[in-house]
Amino acid sequence: MPLTMARAGEVTSIKRVGGKDEVRRHLENMGFVPGTDVTVVSVNHGNVIVNVKEARVAISKEMANKILI
């Protein structure tokens, strides 16, 4: 399921990152790599704030939909 479906406070593991090559590289540079644990901090109108690799990152709904957990 996409990251946008996770609830706040839920710890999940990234299974796959989709999208075009440049989008995947951008997400991987931010720490969204398959096998990495992410914690959803909050979801606001589909936009997601997560903790990934000891950093807090905000991503849009479109980007979050490309991250499968």
PDB file of N, CA and C in Angstrom:
ATOM      1  N   MET A   1       0.839  -1.184   0.000  1.00  0.00           N
ATOM      2  CA  MET A   1       0.000   0.000   0.000  1.00  0.00           C
ATOM      3  C   MET A   1       0.881   1.243   0.000  1.00  0.00           C
ATOM      4  N   PRO A   2       0.379   2.363  -0.495  1.00  0.00           N
ATOM      5  CA  PRO A   2       1.190   3.584  -0.528  1.00  0.00           C
ATOM      6  C   PRO A   2       1.354   4.191   0.873  1.00  0.00           C
ATOM      7  N   LEU A   3       2.382   4.980   1.034  1.00  0.00           N
ATOM      8  CA  LEU A   3       2.691   5.615   2.315  1.00  0.00           C
ATOM      9  C   LEU A   3       1.549   6.497   2.807  1.00  0.00           C
ATOM     10  N   THR A   4       0.757   7.047   1.900  1.00  0.00           N
ATOM     11  CA  THR A   4      -0.351   7.920   2.301  1.00  0.00           C
ATOM     12  C   THR A   4      -1.413   7.169   3.098  1.00  0.00           C
ATOM     13  N   MET A   5      -1.431   5.851   3.033  1.00  0.00           N
ATOM     14  CA  MET A   5      -2.429   5.054   3.749  1.00  0.00           C
ATOM     15  C   MET A   5      -2.026   4.761   5.192  1.00  0.00           C
ATOM     16  N   ALA A   6      -0.779   5.033   5.560  1.00  0.00           N
ATOM     17  CA  ALA A   6      -0.305   4.758   6.919  1.00  0.00           C
ATOM     18  C   ALA A   6      -0.870   5.796   7.884  1.00  0.00           C
ATOM     19  N   ARG A   7      -1.068   5.370   9.128  1.00  0.00           N
ATOM     20  CA  ARG A   7      -1.586   6.269  10.167  1.00  0.00           C
ATOM     21  C   ARG A   7      -0.436   6.953  10.894  1.00  0.00           C
ATOM     22  N   ALA A   8      -0.740   8.079  11.506  1.00  0.00           N
ATOM     23  CA  ALA A   8       0.265   8.790  12.295  1.00  0.00           C
ATOM     24  C   ALA A   8       0.724   7.914  13.454  1.00  0.00           C
ATOM     25  N   GLY A   9       2.028   7.881  13.690  1.00  0.00           N
ATOM     26  CA  GLY A   9       2.609   7.082  14.753  1.00  0.00           C
ATOM     27  C   GLY A   9       2.951   5.665  14.335  1.00  0.00           C
ATOM     28  N   GLU A  10       2.561   5.275  13.142  1.00  0.00           N
ATOM     29  CA  GLU A  10       2.796   3.914  12.660  1.00  0.00           C
ATOM     30  C   GLU A  10       4.201   3.785  12.064  1.00  0.00           C
ATOM     31  N   VAL A  11       4.923   2.761  12.493  1.00  0.00           N
ATOM     32  CA  VAL A  11       6.248   2.477  11.954  1.00  0.00           C
ATOM     33  C   VAL A  11       6.087   1.413  10.877  1.00  0.00           C
ATOM     34  N   THR A  12       6.567   1.706   9.675  1.00  0.00           N
ATOM     35  CA  THR A  12       6.455   0.768   8.559  1.00  0.00           C
ATOM     36  C   THR A  12       7.806   0.634   7.872  1.00  0.00           C
ATOM     37  N   SER A  13       7.904  -0.330   7.012  1.00  0.00           N
ATOM     38  CA  SER A  13       9.132  -0.556   6.248  1.00  0.00           C
ATOM     39  C   SER A  13       8.834  -0.314   4.772  1.00  0.00           C
ATOM     40  N   ILE A  14       9.762   0.336   4.088  1.00  0.00           N
ATOM     41  CA  ILE A  14       9.585   0.626   2.667  1.00  0.00           C
ATOM     42  C   ILE A  14       9.825  -0.653   1.871  1.00  0.00           C
ATOM     43  N   LYS A  15       8.860  -1.010   1.033  1.00  0.00           N
ATOM     44  CA  LYS A  15       8.985  -2.199   0.184  1.00  0.00           C
ATOM     45  C   LYS A  15       9.530  -1.847  -1.193  1.00  0.00           C
ATOM     46  N   ARG A  16       9.041  -0.726  -1.759  1.00  0.00           N
ATOM     47  CA  ARG A  16       9.447  -0.354  -3.116  1.00  0.00           C
ATOM     48  C   ARG A  16       9.210   1.130  -3.311  1.00  0.00           C
ATOM     49  N   VAL A  17      10.038   1.752  -4.141  1.00  0.00           N
ATOM     50  CA  VAL A  17       9.879   3.152  -4.514  1.00  0.00           C
ATOM     51  C   VAL A  17       9.628   3.185  -6.018  1.00  0.00           C
ATOM     52  N   GLY A  18       8.493   3.736  -6.419  1.00  0.00           N
ATOM     53  CA  GLY A  18       8.121   3.773  -7.829  1.00  0.00           C
ATOM     54  C   GLY A  18       8.358   5.144  -8.436  1.00  0.00           C
ATOM     55  N   GLY A  19       7.906   5.305  -9.666  1.00  0.00           N
ATOM     56  CA  GLY A  19       8.031   6.578 -10.359  1.00  0.00           C
ATOM     57  C   GLY A  19       9.148   6.565 -11.386  1.00  0.00           C
ATOM     58  N   LYS A  20       9.330   7.719 -12.023  1.00  0.00           N
ATOM     59  CA  LYS A  20      10.397   7.866 -13.010  1.00  0.00           C
ATOM     60  C   LYS A  20      11.753   7.804 -12.322  1.00  0.00           C
ATOM     61  N   ASP A  21      12.802   7.578 -13.113  1.00  0.00           N
ATOM     62  CA  ASP A  21      14.148   7.453 -12.558  1.00  0.00           C
ATOM     63  C   ASP A  21      14.543   8.660 -11.726  1.00  0.00           C
ATOM     64  N   GLU A  22      14.268   9.861 -12.218  1.00  0.00           N
ATOM     65  CA  GLU A  22      14.676  11.065 -11.483  1.00  0.00           C
ATOM     66  C   GLU A  22      13.910  11.196 -10.171  1.00  0.00           C
ATOM     67  N   VAL A  23      12.655  10.792 -10.145  1.00  0.00           N
ATOM     68  CA  VAL A  23      11.862  10.844  -8.907  1.00  0.00           C
ATOM     69  C   VAL A  23      12.394   9.823  -7.908  1.00  0.00           C
ATOM     70  N   ARG A  24      12.677   8.616  -8.386  1.00  0.00           N
ATOM     71  CA  ARG A  24      13.226   7.580  -7.497  1.00  0.00           C
ATOM     72  C   ARG A  24      14.561   8.005  -6.914  1.00  0.00           C
ATOM     73  N   ARG A  25      15.429   8.588  -7.740  1.00  0.00           N
ATOM     74  CA  ARG A  25      16.735   9.057  -7.239  1.00  0.00           C
ATOM     75  C   ARG A  25      16.551  10.141  -6.183  1.00  0.00           C
ATOM     76  N   HIS A  26      15.630  11.063  -6.424  1.00  0.00           N
ATOM     77  CA  HIS A  26      15.379  12.147  -5.461  1.00  0.00           C
ATOM     78  C   HIS A  26      14.909  11.568  -4.127  1.00  0.00           C
ATOM     79  N   LEU A  27      13.962  10.635  -4.172  1.00  0.00           N
ATOM     80  CA  LEU A  27      13.464  10.024  -2.939  1.00  0.00           C
ATOM     81  C   LEU A  27      14.561   9.214  -2.242  1.00  0.00           C
ATOM     82  N   GLU A  28      15.377   8.500  -3.007  1.00  0.00           N
ATOM     83  CA  GLU A  28      16.473   7.732  -2.412  1.00  0.00           C
ATOM     84  C   GLU A  28      17.502   8.648  -1.767  1.00  0.00           C
ATOM     85  N   ASN A  29      17.756   9.810  -2.359  1.00  0.00           N
ATOM     86  CA  ASN A  29      18.687  10.777  -1.764  1.00  0.00           C
ATOM     87  C   ASN A  29      18.158  11.327  -0.447  1.00  0.00           C
ATOM     88  N   MET A  30      16.844  11.359  -0.290  1.00  0.00           N
ATOM     89  CA  MET A  30      16.238  11.823   0.965  1.00  0.00           C
ATOM     90  C   MET A  30      16.161  10.705   2.003  1.00  0.00           C
ATOM     91  N   GLY A  31      16.523   9.461   1.615  1.00  0.00           N
ATOM     92  CA  GLY A  31      16.549   8.358   2.571  1.00  0.00           C
ATOM     93  C   GLY A  31      15.465   7.323   2.372  1.00  0.00           C
ATOM     94  N   PHE A  32      14.620   7.484   1.362  1.00  0.00           N
ATOM     95  CA  PHE A  32      13.550   6.527   1.107  1.00  0.00           C
ATOM     96  C   PHE A  32      14.080   5.389   0.241  1.00  0.00           C
ATOM     97  N   VAL A  33      14.696   4.410   0.909  1.00  0.00           N
ATOM     98  CA  VAL A  33      15.320   3.271   0.247  1.00  0.00           C
ATOM     99  C   VAL A  33      14.587   2.009   0.712  1.00  0.00           C
ATOM    100  N   PRO A  34      14.317   1.057  -0.198  1.00  0.00           N
ATOM    101  CA  PRO A  34      13.658  -0.187   0.226  1.00  0.00           C
ATOM    102  C   PRO A  34      14.382  -0.846   1.392  1.00  0.00           C
ATOM    103  N   GLY A  35      13.586  -1.304   2.374  1.00  0.00           N
ATOM    104  CA  GLY A  35      14.137  -1.927   3.574  1.00  0.00           C
ATOM    105  C   GLY A  35      14.290  -0.978   4.739  1.00  0.00           C
ATOM    106  N   THR A  36      14.170   0.318   4.497  1.00  0.00           N
ATOM    107  CA  THR A  36      14.322   1.321   5.544  1.00  0.00           C
ATOM    108  C   THR A  36      13.008   1.488   6.307  1.00  0.00           C
ATOM    109  N   ASP A  37      13.103   1.616   7.638  1.00  0.00           N
ATOM    110  CA  ASP A  37      11.909   1.883   8.446  1.00  0.00           C
ATOM    111  C   ASP A  37      11.584   3.363   8.408  1.00  0.00           C
ATOM    112  N   VAL A  38      10.292   3.666   8.299  1.00  0.00           N
ATOM    113  CA  VAL A  38       9.813   5.046   8.349  1.00  0.00           C
ATOM    114  C   VAL A  38       8.696   5.129   9.379  1.00  0.00           C
ATOM    115  N   THR A  39       8.653   6.253  10.093  1.00  0.00           N
ATOM    116  CA  THR A  39       7.601   6.501  11.057  1.00  0.00           C
ATOM    117  C   THR A  39       6.800   7.695  10.575  1.00  0.00           C
ATOM    118  N   VAL A  40       5.505   7.509  10.428  1.00  0.00           N
ATOM    119  CA  VAL A  40       4.632   8.596  10.004  1.00  0.00           C
ATOM    120  C   VAL A  40       4.384   9.501  11.205  1.00  0.00           C
ATOM    121  N   VAL A  41       4.733  10.779  11.076  1.00  0.00           N
ATOM    122  CA  VAL A  41       4.523  11.745  12.147  1.00  0.00           C
ATOM    123  C   VAL A  41       3.120  12.330  12.038  1.00  0.00           C
ATOM    124  N   SER A  42       2.745  12.787  10.837  1.00  0.00           N
ATOM    125  CA  SER A  42       1.397  13.308  10.633  1.00  0.00           C
ATOM    126  C   SER A  42       1.027  13.262   9.160  1.00  0.00           C
ATOM    127  N   VAL A  43      -0.278  13.245   8.919  1.00  0.00           N
ATOM    128  CA  VAL A  43      -0.826  13.280   7.565  1.00  0.00           C
ATOM    129  C   VAL A  43      -1.808  14.435   7.525  1.00  0.00           C
ATOM    130  N   ASN A  44      -1.606  15.358   6.569  1.00  0.00           N
ATOM    131  CA  ASN A  44      -2.457  16.533   6.459  1.00  0.00           C
ATOM    132  C   ASN A  44      -2.906  16.684   5.011  1.00  0.00           C
ATOM    133  N   HIS A  45      -4.169  16.367   4.736  1.00  0.00           N
ATOM    134  CA  HIS A  45      -4.729  16.429   3.374  1.00  0.00           C
ATOM    135  C   HIS A  45      -3.919  15.584   2.397  1.00  0.00           C
ATOM    136  N   GLY A  46      -3.405  14.449   2.868  1.00  0.00           N
ATOM    137  CA  GLY A  46      -2.621  13.563   2.010  1.00  0.00           C
ATOM    138  C   GLY A  46      -1.129  13.822   2.060  1.00  0.00           C
ATOM    139  N   ASN A  47      -0.714  15.043   2.401  1.00  0.00           N
ATOM    140  CA  ASN A  47       0.711  15.341   2.547  1.00  0.00           C
ATOM    141  C   ASN A  47       1.214  14.671   3.829  1.00  0.00           C
ATOM    142  N   VAL A  48       2.436  14.176   3.790  1.00  0.00           N
ATOM    143  CA  VAL A  48       2.927  13.330   4.873  1.00  0.00           C
ATOM    144  C   VAL A  48       4.233  13.884   5.445  1.00  0.00           C
ATOM    145  N   ILE A  49       4.330  13.866   6.775  1.00  0.00           N
ATOM    146  CA  ILE A  49       5.579  14.169   7.465  1.00  0.00           C
ATOM    147  C   ILE A  49       6.035  12.862   8.100  1.00  0.00           C
ATOM    148  N   VAL A  50       7.262  12.448   7.777  1.00  0.00           N
ATOM    149  CA  VAL A  50       7.782  11.177   8.281  1.00  0.00           C
ATOM    150  C   VAL A  50       9.165  11.350   8.885  1.00  0.00           C
ATOM    151  N   ASN A  51       9.513  10.433   9.775  1.00  0.00           N
ATOM    152  CA  ASN A  51      10.884  10.303  10.256  1.00  0.00           C
ATOM    153  C   ASN A  51      11.514   9.174   9.473  1.00  0.00           C
ATOM    154  N   VAL A  52      12.602   9.467   8.779  1.00  0.00           N
ATOM    155  CA  VAL A  52      13.326   8.456   8.028  1.00  0.00           C
ATOM    156  C   VAL A  52      14.814   8.684   8.249  1.00  0.00           C
ATOM    157  N   LYS A  53      15.513   7.642   8.685  1.00  0.00           N
ATOM    158  CA  LYS A  53      16.951   7.726   8.954  1.00  0.00           C
ATOM    159  C   LYS A  53      17.298   8.916   9.846  1.00  0.00           C
ATOM    160  N   GLU A  54      16.607   9.033  10.962  1.00  0.00           N
ATOM    161  CA  GLU A  54      16.873  10.072  11.964  1.00  0.00           C
ATOM    162  C   GLU A  54      16.630  11.490  11.468  1.00  0.00           C
ATOM    163  N   ALA A  55      15.863  11.659  10.406  1.00  0.00           N
ATOM    164  CA  ALA A  55      15.533  12.995   9.893  1.00  0.00           C
ATOM    165  C   ALA A  55      14.026  13.091   9.691  1.00  0.00           C
ATOM    166  N   ARG A  56      13.489  14.272   9.900  1.00  0.00           N
ATOM    167  CA  ARG A  56      12.067  14.507   9.666  1.00  0.00           C
ATOM    168  C   ARG A  56      11.917  15.139   8.286  1.00  0.00           C
ATOM    169  N   VAL A  57      11.095  14.513   7.441  1.00  0.00           N
ATOM    170  CA  VAL A  57      10.949  14.934   6.053  1.00  0.00           C
ATOM    171  C   VAL A  57       9.466  15.098   5.740  1.00  0.00           C
ATOM    172  N   ALA A  58       9.122  16.192   5.053  1.00  0.00           N
ATOM    173  CA  ALA A  58       7.754  16.408   4.582  1.00  0.00           C
ATOM    174  C   ALA A  58       7.724  16.157   3.084  1.00  0.00           C
ATOM    175  N   ILE A  59       6.775  15.348   2.630  1.00  0.00           N
ATOM    176  CA  ILE A  59       6.635  15.069   1.206  1.00  0.00           C
ATOM    177  C   ILE A  59       5.180  15.228   0.787  1.00  0.00           C
ATOM    178  N   SER A  60       4.989  15.541  -0.468  1.00  0.00           N
ATOM    179  CA  SER A  60       3.643  15.758  -0.998  1.00  0.00           C
ATOM    180  C   SER A  60       2.908  14.432  -1.141  1.00  0.00           C
ATOM    181  N   LYS A  61       1.608  14.540  -1.337  1.00  0.00           N
ATOM    182  CA  LYS A  61       0.776  13.370  -1.533  1.00  0.00           C
ATOM    183  C   LYS A  61       1.221  12.572  -2.752  1.00  0.00           C
ATOM    184  N   GLU A  62       1.574  13.272  -3.834  1.00  0.00           N
ATOM    185  CA  GLU A  62       2.009  12.598  -5.056  1.00  0.00           C
ATOM    186  C   GLU A  62       3.279  11.787  -4.823  1.00  0.00           C
ATOM    187  N   MET A  63       4.237  12.362  -4.102  1.00  0.00           N
ATOM    188  CA  MET A  63       5.490  11.660  -3.810  1.00  0.00           C
ATOM    189  C   MET A  63       5.233  10.489  -2.865  1.00  0.00           C
ATOM    190  N   ALA A  64       4.397  10.706  -1.857  1.00  0.00           N
ATOM    191  CA  ALA A  64       4.096   9.649  -0.886  1.00  0.00           C
ATOM    192  C   ALA A  64       3.399   8.466  -1.540  1.00  0.00           C
ATOM    193  N   ASN A  65       2.609   8.712  -2.577  1.00  0.00           N
ATOM    194  CA  ASN A  65       1.935   7.629  -3.275  1.00  0.00           C
ATOM    195  C   ASN A  65       2.911   6.750  -4.051  1.00  0.00           C
ATOM    196  N   LYS A  66       4.109   7.237  -4.329  1.00  0.00           N
ATOM    197  CA  LYS A  66       5.123   6.465  -5.066  1.00  0.00           C
ATOM    198  C   LYS A  66       5.927   5.556  -4.128  1.00  0.00           C
ATOM    199  N   ILE A  67       5.782   5.757  -2.809  1.00  0.00           N
ATOM    200  CA  ILE A  67       6.512   4.961  -1.818  1.00  0.00           C
ATOM    201  C   ILE A  67       5.555   3.887  -1.304  1.00  0.00           C
ATOM    202  N   LEU A  68       5.884   2.628  -1.583  1.00  0.00           N
ATOM    203  CA  LEU A  68       5.031   1.526  -1.168  1.00  0.00           C
ATOM    204  C   LEU A  68       5.587   0.890   0.100  1.00  0.00           C
ATOM    205  N   ILE A  69       4.679   0.634   1.053  1.00  0.00           N
ATOM    206  CA  ILE A  69       5.070   0.058   2.348  1.00  0.00           C
ATOM    207  C   ILE A  69       4.421  -1.300   2.519  1.00  0.00           C
TER     208      ILE A  69
END
